[in-house]
Amino acid sequence: MLNIIGAVISGLVIGVLARWFFPGAVAMGWVATILLGIGGSLAAGLITSRGRRDFQPAGCLASILGAMALIFIGKAIGWG
């Protein structure tokens, strides 16, 4: 249970930071921001553990960059 709470809190922090650093307005609610942060962490973790069988969690900076990449991809395909 604490893992889920930790993921939600870190997802919120990473999502807020990604939205703050991303140039331009990013219109989304709190739930979408949390999911953005969690998705950014997962995307950065997959990229940083490339080729290895065990999943390595990414650091905070990599997670923020992953979330910013998700914002960029979302805007490129027309979301938001």
C-alpha atoms as a PDB file:
ATOM      1  CA  MET A   1       0.000   0.000   0.000  1.00  0.00           C
ATOM      2  CA  LEU A   2       2.840   2.380   0.802  1.00  0.00           C
ATOM      3  CA  ASN A   3       4.349   1.724  -2.630  1.00  0.00           C
ATOM      4  CA  ILE A   4       1.157   2.941  -4.305  1.00  0.00           C
ATOM      5  CA  ILE A   5       1.004   6.040  -2.111  1.00  0.00           C
ATOM      6  CA  GLY A   6       4.676   6.751  -2.846  1.00  0.00           C
ATOM      7  CA  ALA A   7       4.091   6.345  -6.584  1.00  0.00           C
ATOM      8  CA  VAL A   8       1.151   8.762  -6.483  1.00  0.00           C
ATOM      9  CA  ILE A   9       3.071  11.379  -4.496  1.00  0.00           C
ATOM     10  CA  SER A  10       6.216  11.116  -6.634  1.00  0.00           C
ATOM     11  CA  GLY A  11       4.059  11.101  -9.783  1.00  0.00           C
ATOM     12  CA  LEU A  12       2.408  14.310  -8.644  1.00  0.00           C
ATOM     13  CA  VAL A  13       5.736  16.015  -7.905  1.00  0.00           C
ATOM     14  CA  ILE A  14       7.334  14.876 -11.165  1.00  0.00           C
ATOM     15  CA  GLY A  15       4.222  15.775 -13.188  1.00  0.00           C
ATOM     16  CA  VAL A  16       4.040  19.261 -11.676  1.00  0.00           C
ATOM     17  CA  LEU A  17       7.745  19.869 -12.322  1.00  0.00           C
ATOM     18  CA  ALA A  18       7.449  18.610 -15.911  1.00  0.00           C
ATOM     19  CA  ARG A  19       4.489  20.908 -16.544  1.00  0.00           C
ATOM     20  CA  TRP A  20       6.386  23.826 -14.999  1.00  0.00           C
ATOM     21  CA  PHE A  21       9.547  23.260 -17.064  1.00  0.00           C
ATOM     22  CA  PHE A  22       7.681  22.563 -20.335  1.00  0.00           C
ATOM     23  CA  PRO A  23       7.448  25.730 -22.454  1.00  0.00           C
ATOM     24  CA  GLY A  24       3.885  26.875 -23.014  1.00  0.00           C
ATOM     25  CA  ALA A  25       0.641  26.072 -21.275  1.00  0.00           C
ATOM     26  CA  VAL A  26      -0.209  22.478 -20.421  1.00  0.00           C
ATOM     27  CA  ALA A  27      -3.872  22.204 -19.515  1.00  0.00           C
ATOM     28  CA  MET A  28      -4.611  19.103 -17.433  1.00  0.00           C
ATOM     29  CA  GLY A  29      -6.105  18.221 -14.088  1.00  0.00           C
ATOM     30  CA  TRP A  30      -4.529  16.707 -10.987  1.00  0.00           C
ATOM     31  CA  VAL A  31      -5.218  13.092 -11.952  1.00  0.00           C
ATOM     32  CA  ALA A  32      -3.714  13.600 -15.413  1.00  0.00           C
ATOM     33  CA  THR A  33      -0.684  15.277 -13.813  1.00  0.00           C
ATOM     34  CA  ILE A  34      -0.168  12.303 -11.494  1.00  0.00           C
ATOM     35  CA  LEU A  35      -0.492   9.871 -14.399  1.00  0.00           C
ATOM     36  CA  LEU A  36       1.903  12.007 -16.440  1.00  0.00           C
ATOM     37  CA  GLY A  37       4.507  11.845 -13.668  1.00  0.00           C
ATOM     38  CA  ILE A  38       4.122   8.090 -13.243  1.00  0.00           C
ATOM     39  CA  GLY A  39       4.259   7.574 -17.020  1.00  0.00           C
ATOM     40  CA  GLY A  40       7.332   9.766 -17.289  1.00  0.00           C
ATOM     41  CA  SER A  41       9.055   7.737 -14.584  1.00  0.00           C
ATOM     42  CA  LEU A  42       8.197   4.478 -16.329  1.00  0.00           C
ATOM     43  CA  ALA A  43       9.307   5.767 -19.734  1.00  0.00           C
ATOM     44  CA  ALA A  44      12.610   7.038 -18.338  1.00  0.00           C
ATOM     45  CA  GLY A  45      13.130   3.758 -16.475  1.00  0.00           C
ATOM     46  CA  LEU A  46      12.610   1.744 -19.643  1.00  0.00           C
ATOM     47  CA  ILE A  47      15.064   3.932 -21.545  1.00  0.00           C
ATOM     48  CA  THR A  48      17.729   3.866 -18.830  1.00  0.00           C
ATOM     49  CA  SER A  49      17.518   0.075 -18.395  1.00  0.00           C
ATOM     50  CA  ARG A  50      17.807  -0.549 -22.142  1.00  0.00           C
ATOM     51  CA  GLY A  51      18.880  -4.075 -22.971  1.00  0.00           C
ATOM     52  CA  ARG A  52      18.977  -5.354 -19.388  1.00  0.00           C
ATOM     53  CA  ARG A  53      16.446  -7.841 -18.152  1.00  0.00           C
ATOM     54  CA  ASP A  54      15.861  -6.149 -14.805  1.00  0.00           C
ATOM     55  CA  PHE A  55      13.992  -2.863 -14.691  1.00  0.00           C
ATOM     56  CA  GLN A  56      16.035  -0.038 -13.174  1.00  0.00           C
ATOM     57  CA  PRO A  57      14.090   2.931 -11.785  1.00  0.00           C
ATOM     58  CA  ALA A  58      15.156   6.251 -13.222  1.00  0.00           C
ATOM     59  CA  GLY A  59      16.287   9.251 -11.225  1.00  0.00           C
ATOM     60  CA  CYS A  60      14.252  12.378 -10.677  1.00  0.00           C
ATOM     61  CA  LEU A  61      15.777  14.362 -13.550  1.00  0.00           C
ATOM     62  CA  ALA A  62      15.306  11.501 -16.016  1.00  0.00           C
ATOM     63  CA  SER A  63      11.700  11.093 -14.847  1.00  0.00           C
ATOM     64  CA  ILE A  64      10.988  14.794 -15.399  1.00  0.00           C
ATOM     65  CA  LEU A  65      12.535  14.607 -18.879  1.00  0.00           C
ATOM     66  CA  GLY A  66      10.449  11.497 -19.609  1.00  0.00           C
ATOM     67  CA  ALA A  67       7.278  13.293 -18.537  1.00  0.00           C
ATOM     68  CA  MET A  68       8.215  16.308 -20.675  1.00  0.00           C
ATOM     69  CA  ALA A  69       8.717  13.951 -23.616  1.00  0.00           C
ATOM     70  CA  LEU A  70       5.221  12.556 -23.015  1.00  0.00           C
ATOM     71  CA  ILE A  71       3.803  16.102 -23.025  1.00  0.00           C
ATOM     72  CA  PHE A  72       5.617  16.806 -26.302  1.00  0.00           C
ATOM     73  CA  ILE A  73       4.343  13.587 -27.903  1.00  0.00           C
ATOM     74  CA  GLY A  74       0.806  14.306 -26.663  1.00  0.00           C
ATOM     75  CA  LYS A  75       0.840  17.808 -28.141  1.00  0.00           C
ATOM     76  CA  ALA A  76       2.321  16.498 -31.418  1.00  0.00           C
ATOM     77  CA  ILE A  77      -0.545  14.037 -31.923  1.00  0.00           C
ATOM     78  CA  GLY A  78      -3.199  16.583 -30.977  1.00  0.00           C
ATOM     79  CA  TRP A  79      -4.004  15.969 -27.300  1.00  0.00           C
ATOM     80  CA  GLY A  80      -4.388  19.096 -25.220  1.00  0.00           C
END
